């Protein structure tokens, strides 16, 4: 499934930890926005890790948008930036 994840975190150290975590799951497309193409197990693992990092009582905000496969092909990129994240197709014969 394709996810768009954005965050607003004021504490520099925590913001850096979240960014590093997300870099392991997808690609940064804007300063605090990542696109991730994840299998269900990888998404669950990411959510668990994010739950441990995000401190809503300290003002952290995180948004995760789940996009259908058809929706990802309607993403427009205006200006510089990478194309939408895609996982390679793997075939085993």
N, C-alpha and C. Protein backbone atom coordinates (compact mmCIF):
# COMPACT_ATOMS: atom_id res chain seq x y z
N UNK A 1 0.85 -1.17 0.00
CA UNK A 1 0.00 0.00 0.00
C UNK A 1 0.90 1.24 0.00
N UNK A 2 0.38 2.29 -0.54
CA UNK A 2 1.14 3.54 -0.69
C UNK A 2 0.69 4.52 0.38
N UNK A 3 1.65 5.10 1.10
CA UNK A 3 1.34 6.02 2.19
C UNK A 3 2.07 7.35 1.99
N UNK A 4 1.39 8.42 2.31
CA UNK A 4 1.99 9.74 2.37
C UNK A 4 2.03 10.11 3.84
N UNK A 5 3.22 10.38 4.37
CA UNK A 5 3.40 10.64 5.79
C UNK A 5 4.03 12.01 5.96
N UNK A 6 3.38 12.85 6.78
CA UNK A 6 3.92 14.18 7.06
C UNK A 6 3.94 14.39 8.57
N UNK A 7 4.83 15.25 9.00
CA UNK A 7 4.95 15.50 10.43
C UNK A 7 5.33 16.94 10.69
N UNK A 8 5.02 17.37 11.90
CA UNK A 8 5.39 18.69 12.40
C UNK A 8 5.87 18.46 13.83
N UNK A 9 7.17 18.53 14.02
CA UNK A 9 7.78 18.26 15.32
C UNK A 9 8.75 19.39 15.63
N UNK A 10 8.55 20.05 16.76
CA UNK A 10 9.36 21.23 17.07
C UNK A 10 10.71 20.91 17.72
N UNK A 11 10.83 19.76 18.34
CA UNK A 11 12.08 19.37 19.01
C UNK A 11 13.03 18.79 17.96
N UNK A 12 14.16 19.47 17.73
CA UNK A 12 15.09 19.08 16.67
C UNK A 12 15.54 17.62 16.74
N UNK A 13 15.94 17.18 17.92
CA UNK A 13 16.47 15.82 18.07
C UNK A 13 15.40 14.77 17.72
N UNK A 14 14.18 14.98 18.18
CA UNK A 14 13.11 14.03 17.89
C UNK A 14 12.72 14.09 16.41
N UNK A 15 12.68 15.29 15.84
CA UNK A 15 12.36 15.44 14.42
C UNK A 15 13.39 14.70 13.57
N UNK A 16 14.66 14.77 13.93
CA UNK A 16 15.71 14.07 13.21
C UNK A 16 15.53 12.55 13.32
N UNK A 17 15.15 12.06 14.50
CA UNK A 17 14.92 10.62 14.68
C UNK A 17 13.77 10.13 13.81
N UNK A 18 12.70 10.92 13.74
CA UNK A 18 11.56 10.55 12.92
C UNK A 18 11.96 10.54 11.44
N UNK A 19 12.69 11.56 11.01
CA UNK A 19 13.13 11.63 9.62
C UNK A 19 14.03 10.44 9.26
N UNK A 20 14.95 10.10 10.13
CA UNK A 20 15.84 8.95 9.88
C UNK A 20 15.06 7.65 9.81
N UNK A 21 14.08 7.52 10.70
CA UNK A 21 13.23 6.33 10.68
C UNK A 21 12.49 6.22 9.35
N UNK A 22 11.86 7.31 8.93
CA UNK A 22 11.10 7.30 7.69
C UNK A 22 11.98 7.09 6.47
N UNK A 23 13.21 7.56 6.51
CA UNK A 23 14.13 7.34 5.38
C UNK A 23 14.38 5.85 5.15
N UNK A 24 14.23 5.05 6.19
CA UNK A 24 14.40 3.61 6.07
C UNK A 24 13.18 2.91 5.49
N UNK A 25 12.08 3.64 5.34
CA UNK A 25 10.84 3.04 4.86
C UNK A 25 10.35 3.65 3.54
N UNK A 26 10.89 4.79 3.15
CA UNK A 26 10.41 5.43 1.94
C UNK A 26 11.35 6.54 1.51
N UNK A 27 10.83 7.47 0.74
CA UNK A 27 11.67 8.57 0.26
C UNK A 27 11.08 9.92 0.69
N UNK A 28 11.98 10.82 1.03
CA UNK A 28 11.58 12.18 1.37
C UNK A 28 11.25 12.91 0.08
N UNK A 29 10.06 13.53 0.05
CA UNK A 29 9.67 14.28 -1.14
C UNK A 29 9.58 15.78 -0.86
N UNK A 30 9.40 16.15 0.38
CA UNK A 30 9.46 17.53 0.85
C UNK A 30 10.13 17.50 2.22
N UNK A 31 10.38 18.65 2.79
CA UNK A 31 11.13 18.72 4.04
C UNK A 31 10.60 17.76 5.12
N UNK A 32 9.31 17.75 5.34
CA UNK A 32 8.73 16.89 6.38
C UNK A 32 7.65 15.97 5.80
N UNK A 33 7.85 15.53 4.58
CA UNK A 33 6.87 14.67 3.90
C UNK A 33 7.59 13.51 3.24
N UNK A 34 7.07 12.31 3.49
CA UNK A 34 7.64 11.09 2.92
C UNK A 34 6.58 10.30 2.18
N UNK A 35 7.00 9.62 1.12
CA UNK A 35 6.16 8.65 0.43
C UNK A 35 6.74 7.28 0.71
N UNK A 36 5.86 6.36 1.09
CA UNK A 36 6.31 5.01 1.44
C UNK A 36 5.40 3.99 0.78
N UNK A 37 5.98 3.03 0.10
CA UNK A 37 5.26 1.92 -0.50
C UNK A 37 5.55 0.71 0.38
N UNK A 38 4.57 0.31 1.20
CA UNK A 38 4.83 -0.68 2.25
C UNK A 38 3.86 -1.85 2.22
N UNK A 39 4.39 -3.01 2.52
CA UNK A 39 3.57 -4.19 2.77
C UNK A 39 2.93 -4.01 4.15
N UNK A 40 1.83 -4.71 4.44
CA UNK A 40 1.16 -4.54 5.74
C UNK A 40 2.08 -4.75 6.94
N UNK A 41 2.95 -5.75 6.91
CA UNK A 41 3.83 -6.01 8.05
C UNK A 41 4.81 -4.86 8.26
N UNK A 42 5.35 -4.31 7.19
CA UNK A 42 6.28 -3.19 7.30
C UNK A 42 5.56 -1.95 7.83
N UNK A 43 4.32 -1.75 7.39
CA UNK A 43 3.55 -0.60 7.89
C UNK A 43 3.30 -0.74 9.39
N UNK A 44 2.90 -1.93 9.84
CA UNK A 44 2.67 -2.14 11.27
C UNK A 44 3.94 -1.87 12.07
N UNK A 45 5.08 -2.33 11.57
CA UNK A 45 6.36 -2.12 12.24
C UNK A 45 6.68 -0.62 12.31
N UNK A 46 6.47 0.08 11.21
CA UNK A 46 6.71 1.53 11.19
C UNK A 46 5.81 2.24 12.19
N UNK A 47 4.52 1.89 12.23
CA UNK A 47 3.59 2.54 13.15
C UNK A 47 4.02 2.33 14.60
N UNK A 48 4.47 1.14 14.94
CA UNK A 48 4.91 0.86 16.30
C UNK A 48 6.10 1.76 16.66
N UNK A 49 7.03 1.90 15.74
CA UNK A 49 8.21 2.73 15.99
C UNK A 49 7.82 4.20 16.09
N UNK A 50 6.92 4.65 15.23
CA UNK A 50 6.46 6.04 15.29
C UNK A 50 5.72 6.31 16.60
N UNK A 51 4.91 5.36 17.04
CA UNK A 51 4.19 5.53 18.30
C UNK A 51 5.14 5.76 19.47
N UNK A 52 6.30 5.13 19.42
CA UNK A 52 7.28 5.31 20.50
C UNK A 52 7.98 6.67 20.42
N UNK A 53 8.09 7.23 19.21
CA UNK A 53 8.82 8.49 19.04
C UNK A 53 7.94 9.73 19.19
N UNK A 54 6.73 9.68 18.69
CA UNK A 54 5.86 10.86 18.65
C UNK A 54 5.33 11.17 20.04
N UNK A 55 5.45 12.44 20.42
CA UNK A 55 4.98 12.91 21.73
C UNK A 55 3.88 13.95 21.51
N UNK A 56 2.64 13.48 21.43
CA UNK A 56 1.53 14.40 21.17
C UNK A 56 1.33 15.39 22.32
N UNK A 57 1.68 14.96 23.54
CA UNK A 57 1.54 15.86 24.68
C UNK A 57 2.55 17.00 24.64
N UNK A 58 3.55 16.90 23.76
CA UNK A 58 4.54 17.97 23.58
C UNK A 58 4.33 18.71 22.26
N UNK A 59 3.20 18.45 21.61
CA UNK A 59 2.85 19.18 20.41
C UNK A 59 3.22 18.53 19.09
N UNK A 60 3.77 17.31 19.12
CA UNK A 60 4.10 16.63 17.87
C UNK A 60 2.82 16.31 17.11
N UNK A 61 2.92 16.44 15.78
CA UNK A 61 1.79 16.10 14.92
C UNK A 61 2.29 15.24 13.76
N UNK A 62 1.51 14.21 13.46
CA UNK A 62 1.86 13.28 12.40
C UNK A 62 0.58 12.97 11.63
N UNK A 63 0.67 12.96 10.31
CA UNK A 63 -0.46 12.59 9.46
C UNK A 63 -0.01 11.51 8.51
N UNK A 64 -0.86 10.48 8.37
CA UNK A 64 -0.59 9.38 7.46
C UNK A 64 -1.80 9.24 6.55
N UNK A 65 -1.55 9.37 5.26
CA UNK A 65 -2.60 9.21 4.26
C UNK A 65 -2.34 7.92 3.51
N UNK A 66 -3.32 7.03 3.53
CA UNK A 66 -3.22 5.79 2.78
C UNK A 66 -3.86 6.03 1.41
N UNK A 67 -3.10 5.80 0.36
CA UNK A 67 -3.59 6.03 -1.00
C UNK A 67 -3.73 4.70 -1.73
N UNK A 68 -4.79 4.59 -2.49
CA UNK A 68 -5.00 3.36 -3.26
C UNK A 68 -3.97 3.29 -4.39
N UNK A 69 -3.79 2.11 -4.96
CA UNK A 69 -2.81 1.95 -6.03
C UNK A 69 -3.12 2.84 -7.22
N UNK A 70 -4.39 2.99 -7.55
CA UNK A 70 -4.75 3.84 -8.69
C UNK A 70 -4.43 5.31 -8.39
N UNK A 71 -4.57 5.73 -7.15
CA UNK A 71 -4.34 7.14 -6.77
C UNK A 71 -2.88 7.55 -6.98
N UNK A 72 -1.96 6.65 -6.74
CA UNK A 72 -0.54 7.00 -6.84
C UNK A 72 -0.16 7.44 -8.24
N UNK A 73 -0.88 6.97 -9.23
CA UNK A 73 -0.56 7.33 -10.61
C UNK A 73 -1.15 8.68 -11.01
N UNK A 74 -1.86 9.31 -10.09
CA UNK A 74 -2.43 10.64 -10.34
C UNK A 74 -1.72 11.72 -9.54
N UNK A 75 -0.58 11.41 -8.97
CA UNK A 75 0.20 12.39 -8.23
C UNK A 75 0.89 13.32 -9.22
N UNK A 76 0.74 14.60 -9.00
CA UNK A 76 1.42 15.58 -9.84
C UNK A 76 2.60 16.15 -9.07
N UNK A 77 3.72 16.26 -9.73
CA UNK A 77 4.90 16.88 -9.14
C UNK A 77 5.18 18.15 -9.93
N UNK A 78 5.07 19.28 -9.25
CA UNK A 78 5.34 20.57 -9.88
C UNK A 78 6.60 21.12 -9.25
N UNK A 79 7.58 21.42 -10.05
CA UNK A 79 8.88 21.84 -9.53
C UNK A 79 9.78 20.64 -9.38
N UNK A 80 10.86 20.83 -8.68
CA UNK A 80 11.83 19.75 -8.51
C UNK A 80 11.34 18.74 -7.49
N UNK A 81 11.76 17.53 -7.66
CA UNK A 81 11.42 16.49 -6.71
C UNK A 81 11.44 15.13 -7.35
N UNK A 82 11.59 14.11 -6.53
CA UNK A 82 11.64 12.75 -7.07
C UNK A 82 10.25 12.30 -7.52
N UNK A 83 10.20 11.33 -8.44
CA UNK A 83 8.90 10.77 -8.81
C UNK A 83 8.34 9.98 -7.63
N UNK A 84 7.04 9.68 -7.62
CA UNK A 84 6.45 8.92 -6.52
C UNK A 84 7.18 7.61 -6.26
N UNK A 85 7.29 7.26 -5.00
CA UNK A 85 7.95 6.03 -4.55
C UNK A 85 7.23 4.82 -5.11
N UNK A 86 7.99 3.86 -5.63
CA UNK A 86 7.40 2.60 -6.07
C UNK A 86 8.32 1.47 -5.66
N UNK A 87 7.70 0.38 -5.27
CA UNK A 87 8.47 -0.83 -4.96
C UNK A 87 8.70 -1.59 -6.24
N UNK A 88 9.87 -2.17 -6.39
CA UNK A 88 10.11 -2.96 -7.60
C UNK A 88 9.26 -4.23 -7.58
N UNK A 89 8.80 -4.62 -8.75
CA UNK A 89 8.08 -5.89 -8.86
C UNK A 89 9.10 -7.02 -8.83
N UNK A 90 8.79 -8.04 -8.05
CA UNK A 90 9.70 -9.18 -7.94
C UNK A 90 8.96 -10.43 -8.39
N UNK A 91 9.56 -11.16 -9.29
CA UNK A 91 8.97 -12.38 -9.81
C UNK A 91 9.88 -13.55 -9.48
N UNK A 92 9.30 -14.59 -8.92
CA UNK A 92 10.06 -15.81 -8.60
C UNK A 92 9.44 -16.95 -9.40
N UNK A 93 10.27 -17.61 -10.19
CA UNK A 93 9.78 -18.71 -11.03
C UNK A 93 10.28 -20.02 -10.51
